[in-house]
Protein backbone atom coordinates (compact mmCIF):
# COMPACT_ATOMS: atom_id res chain seq x y z
CA UNK A 1 0.03 0.31 0.23
CA UNK A 2 1.45 3.04 -1.23
CA UNK A 3 2.09 5.98 1.53
CA UNK A 4 -0.97 8.02 -0.46
CA UNK A 5 -3.08 5.52 0.14
CA UNK A 6 -2.37 5.33 3.73
CA UNK A 7 -2.60 8.72 4.64
CA UNK A 8 -5.80 9.25 2.53
CA UNK A 9 -6.85 5.87 4.87
CA UNK A 10 -6.28 7.73 8.08
CA UNK A 11 -8.05 10.66 6.59
CA UNK A 12 -11.22 9.38 5.44
CA UNK A 13 -11.64 7.55 8.45
CA UNK A 14 -11.29 10.17 10.39
CA UNK A 15 -13.81 12.15 8.58
CA UNK A 16 -16.25 9.60 8.71
CA UNK A 17 -15.86 9.49 12.52
CA UNK A 18 -16.33 13.50 12.44
CA UNK A 19 -19.43 13.29 10.58
CA UNK A 20 -20.60 10.65 11.82
CA UNK A 21 -20.41 12.42 15.56
CA UNK A 22 -21.77 15.95 13.75
CA UNK A 23 -24.58 13.96 12.47
CA UNK A 24 -25.86 12.43 15.96
CA UNK A 25 -27.82 15.75 16.86
CA UNK A 26 -29.70 15.28 13.96
CA UNK A 27 -30.84 11.67 14.61
CA UNK A 28 -31.53 12.21 18.28
CA UNK A 29 -33.95 15.52 17.12
CA UNK A 30 -35.47 13.19 14.40
CA UNK A 31 -35.95 10.53 16.93
CA UNK A 32 -37.56 13.15 19.66
CA UNK A 33 -39.89 14.75 17.46
CA UNK A 34 -40.68 12.38 14.50
CA UNK A 35 -42.96 9.31 15.80
CA UNK A 36 -41.90 5.79 15.14
CA UNK A 37 -41.15 5.08 11.36
CA UNK A 38 -41.38 8.01 10.39
CA UNK A 39 -38.21 9.13 12.61
CA UNK A 40 -36.49 5.92 11.24
CA UNK A 41 -37.22 7.02 7.41
CA UNK A 42 -36.06 10.39 7.97
CA UNK A 43 -32.82 9.22 9.90
CA UNK A 44 -31.93 6.62 7.64
CA UNK A 45 -33.14 8.97 4.52
CA UNK A 46 -30.35 11.54 5.95
CA UNK A 47 -27.49 8.86 6.20
CA UNK A 48 -28.05 7.80 2.54
CA UNK A 49 -28.61 10.98 0.95
CA UNK A 50 -26.90 13.64 3.01
CA UNK A 51 -24.42 12.42 5.38
CA UNK A 52 -22.98 9.67 2.48
CA UNK A 53 -22.25 12.19 -0.43
CA UNK A 54 -20.64 15.10 1.86
CA UNK A 55 -18.35 11.91 3.27
CA UNK A 56 -18.22 10.86 -0.36
CA UNK A 57 -16.99 14.22 -1.45
CA UNK A 58 -14.96 14.99 1.55
CA UNK A 59 -12.56 12.26 0.30
CA UNK A 60 -12.93 12.34 -3.48
CA UNK A 61 -14.79 9.96 -4.42
CA UNK A 62 -17.49 10.34 -7.06
CA UNK A 63 -20.21 7.50 -8.06
CA UNK A 64 -21.65 6.88 -11.68
CA UNK A 65 -24.64 4.49 -11.04
CA UNK A 66 -26.38 2.83 -14.31
CA UNK A 67 -29.68 1.46 -14.03
CA UNK A 68 -31.44 3.13 -11.42
CA UNK A 69 -34.18 4.07 -14.00
CA UNK A 70 -35.08 -0.09 -13.48
CA UNK A 71 -35.81 0.52 -10.07
CA UNK A 72 -39.56 1.34 -8.52
CA UNK A 73 -39.24 3.53 -5.40
CA UNK A 74 -42.98 2.27 -3.96
CA UNK A 75 -41.94 -1.32 -4.23
CA UNK A 76 -40.27 -3.47 -1.15
CA UNK A 77 -36.82 -5.27 -2.63
CA UNK A 78 -33.97 -7.79 -1.41
CA UNK A 79 -31.39 -5.90 -2.44
CA UNK A 80 -27.67 -7.55 -2.63
CA UNK A 81 -24.13 -6.30 -3.54
CA UNK A 82 -21.08 -7.69 -3.60
CA UNK A 83 -19.06 -7.23 -1.29
CA UNK A 84 -15.36 -6.48 -1.03
CA UNK A 85 -13.88 -3.32 1.00
CA UNK A 86 -15.42 -1.33 4.05
CA UNK A 87 -16.57 1.47 1.53
CA UNK A 88 -19.14 -1.00 0.33
CA UNK A 89 -21.75 0.24 2.45
CA UNK A 90 -21.45 3.95 1.87
CA UNK A 91 -21.93 2.89 -1.76
CA UNK A 92 -24.69 0.86 -1.76
CA UNK A 93 -26.45 3.31 0.37
CA UNK A 94 -25.84 6.15 -2.35
CA UNK A 95 -26.19 3.90 -5.04
CA UNK A 96 -29.76 3.43 -4.51
CA UNK A 97 -32.13 6.33 -5.29
CA UNK A 98 -34.70 5.31 -1.79
CA UNK A 99 -34.20 4.31 1.22
CA UNK A 100 -33.19 0.62 3.11
CA UNK A 101 -32.32 -0.95 6.09
CA UNK A 102 -29.31 -2.89 6.44
CA UNK A 103 -28.75 -6.41 7.80
CA UNK A 104 -24.98 -5.37 9.81
CA UNK A 105 -22.91 -7.84 11.80
CA UNK A 106 -23.68 -7.64 15.12
CA UNK A 107 -20.12 -7.24 16.31
CA UNK A 108 -20.13 -3.42 14.25
CA UNK A 109 -22.38 -2.21 17.10
CA UNK A 110 -18.84 -2.40 19.40
CA UNK A 111 -17.40 0.31 17.29
CA UNK A 112 -17.87 3.87 18.99
CA UNK A 113 -20.34 6.13 17.30
CA UNK A 114 -21.25 3.82 14.29
CA UNK A 115 -22.04 1.14 16.65
CA UNK A 116 -24.62 3.41 17.81
CA UNK A 117 -26.31 4.29 14.44
CA UNK A 118 -25.95 0.93 13.33
CA UNK A 119 -27.85 -0.36 16.50
CA UNK A 120 -30.61 2.58 15.67
CA UNK A 121 -31.11 2.32 11.83
CA UNK A 122 -30.03 -1.01 10.86
CA UNK A 123 -31.19 -4.90 11.01
CA UNK A 124 -28.72 -6.99 12.88
CA UNK A 125 -27.49 -10.73 13.66
CA UNK A 126 -24.71 -12.40 15.26
CA UNK A 127 -23.82 -14.84 12.89
CA UNK A 128 -22.77 -17.34 15.58
CA UNK A 129 -26.01 -17.51 17.32
CA UNK A 130 -28.84 -20.05 15.35
CA UNK A 131 -31.12 -18.28 17.77
CA UNK A 132 -30.08 -14.72 16.46
CA UNK A 133 -30.85 -15.83 13.00
CA UNK A 134 -33.80 -17.16 13.42
CA UNK A 135 -35.29 -13.77 14.88
CA UNK A 136 -33.11 -11.89 11.75
CA UNK A 137 -35.12 -13.95 9.25
CA UNK A 138 -38.61 -12.73 11.55
CA UNK A 139 -37.30 -9.60 11.62
CA UNK A 140 -36.67 -8.95 7.95
CA UNK A 141 -40.25 -10.46 7.14
CA UNK A 142 -41.73 -7.73 9.43
CA UNK A 143 -40.07 -5.05 7.64
CA UNK A 144 -40.44 -6.30 3.95
CA UNK A 145 -44.23 -6.36 5.40
CA UNK A 146 -44.31 -2.72 6.46
CA UNK A 147 -42.81 -1.45 3.47
CA UNK A 148 -39.03 -1.45 3.97
CA UNK A 149 -36.12 -2.78 1.40
CA UNK A 150 -33.61 -5.07 2.96
CA UNK A 151 -30.23 -5.16 1.73
CA UNK A 152 -28.11 -8.67 2.33
CA UNK A 153 -24.80 -9.04 1.38
CA UNK A 154 -25.17 -12.70 -0.03
CA UNK A 155 -21.53 -13.64 0.69
CA UNK A 156 -22.05 -13.06 3.85
CA UNK A 157 -18.79 -10.77 5.01
CA UNK A 158 -16.05 -9.32 2.36
CA UNK A 159 -15.14 -11.38 -0.15
CA UNK A 160 -11.06 -12.34 0.21
CA UNK A 161 -10.51 -14.93 -2.32
CA UNK A 162 -8.93 -14.29 -5.56
CA UNK A 163 -12.56 -15.09 -7.50
CA UNK A 164 -15.00 -12.19 -8.41
CA UNK A 165 -17.46 -13.25 -5.83
CA UNK A 166 -17.13 -15.28 -2.56
CA UNK A 167 -19.71 -18.12 -2.94
CA UNK A 168 -22.99 -16.68 -2.49
CA UNK A 169 -25.48 -17.96 1.04
CA UNK A 170 -28.82 -18.93 0.29
CA UNK A 171 -30.51 -16.51 3.08
CA UNK A 172 -31.23 -13.79 1.12
CA UNK A 173 -33.00 -15.86 -1.88
CA UNK A 174 -34.84 -17.90 0.52
CA UNK A 175 -36.34 -14.70 2.27
CA UNK A 176 -37.27 -13.02 -0.95
CA UNK A 177 -38.91 -16.32 -2.16
CA UNK A 178 -40.86 -16.17 0.78
CA UNK A 179 -41.89 -12.80 1.13
CA UNK A 180 -42.86 -12.49 -3.21
CA UNK A 181 -40.06 -9.49 -2.79
CA UNK A 182 -38.12 -8.92 -5.96
CA UNK A 183 -34.45 -9.21 -5.95
CA UNK A 184 -32.65 -5.38 -6.76
CA UNK A 185 -29.37 -6.52 -8.05
CA UNK A 186 -26.38 -4.08 -7.43
CA UNK A 187 -22.67 -4.51 -8.31
CA UNK A 188 -20.18 -2.42 -7.95
CA UNK A 189 -17.51 -2.91 -10.64
CA UNK A 190 -14.57 -1.61 -9.84
CA UNK A 191 -14.25 -0.62 -6.23
CA UNK A 192 -10.34 -1.95 -5.76
CA UNK A 193 -9.85 1.41 -8.46
CA UNK A 194 -10.16 3.35 -4.62
CA UNK A 195 -9.88 0.96 -2.00
CA UNK A 196 -7.01 -1.32 -3.88
CA UNK A 197 -6.73 -4.63 -4.98
CA UNK A 198 -6.84 -5.93 -1.22
CA UNK A 199 -8.81 -3.07 0.00
CA UNK A 200 -6.58 -1.74 2.29
CA UNK A 201 -6.28 1.96 1.51
CA UNK A 202 -8.13 4.41 -0.36
CA UNK A 203 -7.89 7.38 -2.88
CA UNK A 204 -9.79 9.66 -4.82
CA UNK A 205 -11.75 8.36 -7.84
CA UNK A 206 -14.75 7.24 -9.36
CA UNK A 207 -16.81 4.12 -8.73
CA UNK A 208 -19.06 2.52 -11.72
CA UNK A 209 -22.08 0.85 -9.69
CA UNK A 210 -24.61 -0.78 -11.93
CA UNK A 211 -28.54 -2.26 -11.69
CA UNK A 212 -29.84 -4.99 -13.02
CA UNK A 213 -33.29 -5.02 -13.71
CA UNK A 214 -35.10 -6.58 -10.53
CA UNK A 215 -36.19 -10.33 -10.17
CA UNK A 216 -40.14 -11.00 -9.71
CA UNK A 217 -40.28 -13.99 -7.35
CA UNK A 218 -44.20 -13.84 -7.57
CA UNK A 219 -44.63 -17.42 -9.01
CA UNK A 220 -41.01 -19.02 -7.05
CA UNK A 221 -41.30 -21.22 -4.10
CA UNK A 222 -38.79 -22.66 -2.06
CA UNK A 223 -37.56 -25.69 -4.94
CA UNK A 224 -36.70 -22.34 -6.62
CA UNK A 225 -34.03 -20.79 -3.94
CA UNK A 226 -30.46 -22.05 -5.62
CA UNK A 227 -31.78 -21.22 -9.49
CA UNK A 228 -32.35 -17.84 -7.48
CA UNK A 229 -29.27 -17.89 -6.33
CA UNK A 230 -26.89 -19.40 -9.00
CA UNK A 231 -29.03 -16.74 -11.58
CA UNK A 232 -28.06 -13.84 -9.47
CA UNK A 233 -24.41 -14.51 -9.08
CA UNK A 234 -24.85 -15.04 -12.91
CA UNK A 235 -25.25 -11.50 -13.66
CA UNK A 236 -23.16 -9.75 -10.79
CA UNK A 237 -20.19 -12.28 -12.37
CA UNK A 238 -21.43 -11.36 -15.86
CA UNK A 239 -21.17 -7.63 -14.90
CA UNK A 240 -17.46 -7.55 -13.49
CA UNK A 241 -16.23 -10.58 -16.02
CA UNK A 242 -17.27 -7.47 -18.74
CA UNK A 243 -15.48 -4.65 -16.98
CA UNK A 244 -12.48 -6.45 -16.19
CA UNK A 245 -12.14 -7.79 -19.69
CA UNK A 246 -12.73 -3.82 -20.92
CA UNK A 247 -9.97 -2.60 -19.03
CA UNK A 248 -7.75 -5.33 -20.60
CA UNK A 249 -9.05 -5.19 -24.42
CA UNK A 250 -6.02 -3.53 -26.40
CA UNK A 251 -7.15 0.57 -26.96
């Protein structure tokens, strides 16, 4: 990792925590003066579409998002995306034109300031606990029924393999089929351009994100889970492969 990437990563981390600290009064104000889910909606909108673009501007990262017109903001989706860096959740949030709730690891609650926001805004799961996983499934289904879209990383955690994608778990696709929620697919094509091949640094740059046409699940049942999982993985893998091939094509 270059010296510049190290310095820029420290700057980005400091800026993130500072902006998060400055955002706490806004979040608390909404929680106090707005009822129930209205406060949650306002706070997530603030984090996704005010906090996040502010942070990205400060660290010199710009998003180019393709395919947002394929999404219907009156529809609840199970949203899935590839995951290979700590920057992904910021990109995921702002690349979606509406609001959603993340399914997040419970360990993130231990991070100062940010952990409190995760606890209030996200659905969390302790992956080591079968009871926690079962409760998270119930919460996910209830939130989808209440009109929320839910973002789930089907790889489970960051992809640290040499492959374009890590193997997908079935959970997101099982929930989508059981709730009849369409699958919305977001693929970040070039996170390594700003976070490095090993996702161990940071530098300014342009990130490219693509949305696919959502996949309907109304006519699917539990026997279709693996087929749906493989179709989604295939679409994401095709996007990543096409982008990587274009980069290395002769000019």
